[in-house]
């Protein structure tokens, strides 16, 4: 069962015709959200100036890391207001968690699980190749999916014993 955020990402992707993993690309997403994208040899960040949105990604990263940083910064743009560095550390920490969760879901969306063979002996490598993500992101998403499955099985077990 997808979370609210996973459903929302799927709705946006489907509305925009993003139905396959290869269609999750930075240019398309920038067009959807009217974002200017740049790569520079500086730490990745986002900028909001008036109504304009910019995402700058560190050009020194590999292609997978650039995608992950882009979606991380997109999460900040979509869900957070204000200048993060002016917030208390606790709020900054929570925003980072939210942005990481968003990037994981946006890069490997629930509605595209049909592209994943969960019984594959090479599951992590398959996800890396199919969704153009790093091994750590693929592993985290797999753990996330497995915990959902385990949680749903626990709930259904509880329902049958009542």
Protein backbone atom coordinates (compact mmCIF):
# COMPACT_ATOMS: atom_id res chain seq x y z
CA UNK A 1 0.00 0.00 0.00
CA UNK A 2 1.61 3.29 -1.05
CA UNK A 3 1.98 6.17 1.36
CA UNK A 4 0.29 9.51 0.69
CA UNK A 5 3.56 10.89 -0.71
CA UNK A 6 4.07 7.87 -2.97
CA UNK A 7 0.51 8.20 -4.30
CA UNK A 8 0.98 11.95 -4.89
CA UNK A 9 4.24 11.42 -6.81
CA UNK A 10 2.54 8.72 -8.89
CA UNK A 11 -0.40 11.03 -9.66
CA UNK A 12 1.91 13.82 -10.85
CA UNK A 13 4.02 11.43 -12.92
CA UNK A 14 1.00 9.79 -14.53
CA UNK A 15 -0.62 13.16 -15.29
CA UNK A 16 2.62 14.24 -16.98
CA UNK A 17 2.99 10.97 -18.92
CA UNK A 18 5.93 9.68 -16.87
CA UNK A 19 5.08 6.00 -16.93
CA UNK A 20 8.45 4.24 -17.30
CA UNK A 21 11.72 4.61 -15.38
CA UNK A 22 13.64 6.09 -18.33
CA UNK A 23 11.10 8.94 -18.42
CA UNK A 24 12.13 10.18 -14.97
CA UNK A 25 14.60 12.77 -16.18
CA UNK A 26 15.72 16.10 -14.85
CA UNK A 27 14.69 18.09 -17.93
CA UNK A 28 11.12 16.80 -17.80
CA UNK A 29 10.79 17.45 -14.07
CA UNK A 30 12.21 20.97 -14.48
CA UNK A 31 9.55 21.61 -17.12
CA UNK A 32 6.77 20.40 -14.84
CA UNK A 33 7.81 22.63 -11.93
CA UNK A 34 9.29 25.54 -13.92
CA UNK A 35 12.77 25.10 -12.44
CA UNK A 36 16.08 26.19 -13.90
CA UNK A 37 18.77 23.54 -13.51
CA UNK A 38 22.52 24.16 -13.44
CA UNK A 39 25.60 22.14 -12.63
CA UNK A 40 28.53 23.86 -10.94
CA UNK A 41 31.55 22.69 -8.96
CA UNK A 42 29.94 23.74 -5.66
CA UNK A 43 27.76 21.90 -3.13
CA UNK A 44 24.23 21.16 -4.37
CA UNK A 45 21.49 23.54 -3.26
CA UNK A 46 18.32 25.28 -4.33
CA UNK A 47 17.50 28.97 -4.68
CA UNK A 48 14.13 30.69 -4.65
CA UNK A 49 14.16 34.28 -5.90
CA UNK A 50 10.76 35.85 -6.27
CA UNK A 51 8.80 33.34 -8.29
CA UNK A 52 11.91 31.80 -9.85
CA UNK A 53 13.27 28.41 -8.78
CA UNK A 54 16.80 27.16 -9.35
CA UNK A 55 18.49 23.88 -8.52
CA UNK A 56 22.26 23.82 -8.65
CA UNK A 57 23.87 20.39 -8.51
CA UNK A 58 27.52 19.71 -7.84
CA UNK A 59 29.09 18.96 -11.25
CA UNK A 60 31.81 16.86 -9.58
CA UNK A 61 29.30 14.11 -8.71
CA UNK A 62 28.68 11.05 -10.87
CA UNK A 63 25.47 10.91 -12.91
CA UNK A 64 23.53 8.88 -10.34
CA UNK A 65 24.53 11.23 -7.54
CA UNK A 66 23.55 14.25 -9.64
CA UNK A 67 20.05 12.80 -10.15
CA UNK A 68 19.74 12.02 -6.46
CA UNK A 69 20.87 15.51 -5.46
CA UNK A 70 18.48 17.08 -7.95
CA UNK A 71 15.50 15.21 -6.52
CA UNK A 72 16.64 15.93 -2.97
CA UNK A 73 16.71 19.67 -3.71
CA UNK A 74 13.36 19.37 -5.51
CA UNK A 75 11.92 17.94 -2.30
CA UNK A 76 13.04 21.07 -0.47
CA UNK A 77 11.48 23.33 -3.10
CA UNK A 78 8.17 21.47 -3.06
CA UNK A 79 7.76 21.01 0.69
CA UNK A 80 9.81 23.58 2.58
CA UNK A 81 9.56 27.31 2.96
CA UNK A 82 12.12 29.76 4.23
CA UNK A 83 15.88 29.61 4.43
CA UNK A 84 16.85 26.27 5.94
CA UNK A 85 20.08 27.54 7.50
CA UNK A 86 18.09 30.03 9.60
CA UNK A 87 16.05 27.23 11.22
CA UNK A 88 16.90 25.42 14.46
CA UNK A 89 18.96 22.24 13.93
CA UNK A 90 15.98 20.03 14.78
CA UNK A 91 13.88 21.55 11.98
CA UNK A 92 16.79 21.34 9.53
CA UNK A 93 17.20 17.67 10.44
CA UNK A 94 13.50 16.94 9.84
CA UNK A 95 13.58 18.75 6.49
CA UNK A 96 16.58 16.69 5.42
CA UNK A 97 14.74 13.48 6.31
CA UNK A 98 11.72 14.62 4.28
CA UNK A 99 13.86 15.59 1.28
CA UNK A 100 15.70 12.24 1.37
CA UNK A 101 12.40 10.35 1.57
CA UNK A 102 10.96 12.36 -1.32
CA UNK A 103 14.02 11.77 -3.52
CA UNK A 104 13.90 8.02 -2.87
CA UNK A 105 10.19 7.87 -3.77
CA UNK A 106 10.54 10.16 -6.79
CA UNK A 107 13.48 8.20 -8.21
CA UNK A 108 11.89 4.77 -7.65
CA UNK A 109 8.16 5.51 -7.66
CA UNK A 110 5.58 3.07 -6.35
CA UNK A 111 3.58 3.05 -9.59
CA UNK A 112 6.66 1.70 -11.40
CA UNK A 113 7.21 -1.31 -9.15
CA UNK A 114 6.03 -3.45 -12.07
CA UNK A 115 9.47 -2.80 -13.58
CA UNK A 116 11.11 -4.53 -10.62
CA UNK A 117 11.55 -8.29 -10.34
CA UNK A 118 11.57 -8.61 -6.56
CA UNK A 119 12.62 -12.26 -6.87
CA UNK A 120 15.76 -11.46 -8.88
CA UNK A 121 19.09 -12.61 -7.50
CA UNK A 122 20.44 -9.25 -8.70
CA UNK A 123 17.67 -7.06 -7.28
CA UNK A 124 19.90 -4.15 -6.23
CA UNK A 125 21.80 -4.11 -9.52
CA UNK A 126 18.54 -4.37 -11.48
CA UNK A 127 17.11 -1.33 -9.67
CA UNK A 128 20.35 0.62 -10.15
CA UNK A 129 20.26 -0.06 -13.89
CA UNK A 130 16.51 0.37 -14.40
CA UNK A 131 16.09 3.59 -12.39
CA UNK A 132 19.58 5.12 -12.81
CA UNK A 133 20.22 5.40 -9.09
CA UNK A 134 23.14 4.56 -6.85
CA UNK A 135 23.39 1.29 -4.95
CA UNK A 136 22.76 3.00 -1.58
CA UNK A 137 19.48 4.52 -2.83
CA UNK A 138 18.42 1.19 -4.36
CA UNK A 139 19.18 -0.63 -1.10
CA UNK A 140 17.30 1.94 0.99
CA UNK A 141 14.25 1.72 -1.25
CA UNK A 142 14.31 -2.09 -1.10
CA UNK A 143 14.45 -1.94 2.70
CA UNK A 144 11.57 0.53 2.65
CA UNK A 145 9.50 -1.76 0.43
CA UNK A 146 10.30 -4.85 2.50
CA UNK A 147 9.31 -3.08 5.73
CA UNK A 148 5.96 -2.15 4.14
CA UNK A 149 5.39 -5.75 3.07
CA UNK A 150 6.32 -7.03 6.53
CA UNK A 151 4.07 -4.44 8.16
CA UNK A 152 1.14 -5.38 5.91
CA UNK A 153 1.69 -9.08 6.61
CA UNK A 154 1.73 -8.41 10.35
CA UNK A 155 -1.54 -6.48 10.05
CA UNK A 156 -3.23 -9.16 7.97
CA UNK A 157 -2.03 -11.82 10.43
CA UNK A 158 -3.56 -9.83 13.27
CA UNK A 159 -6.84 -9.52 11.39
CA UNK A 160 -7.13 -13.28 10.78
CA UNK A 161 -6.57 -14.20 14.41
CA UNK A 162 -9.32 -11.97 15.78
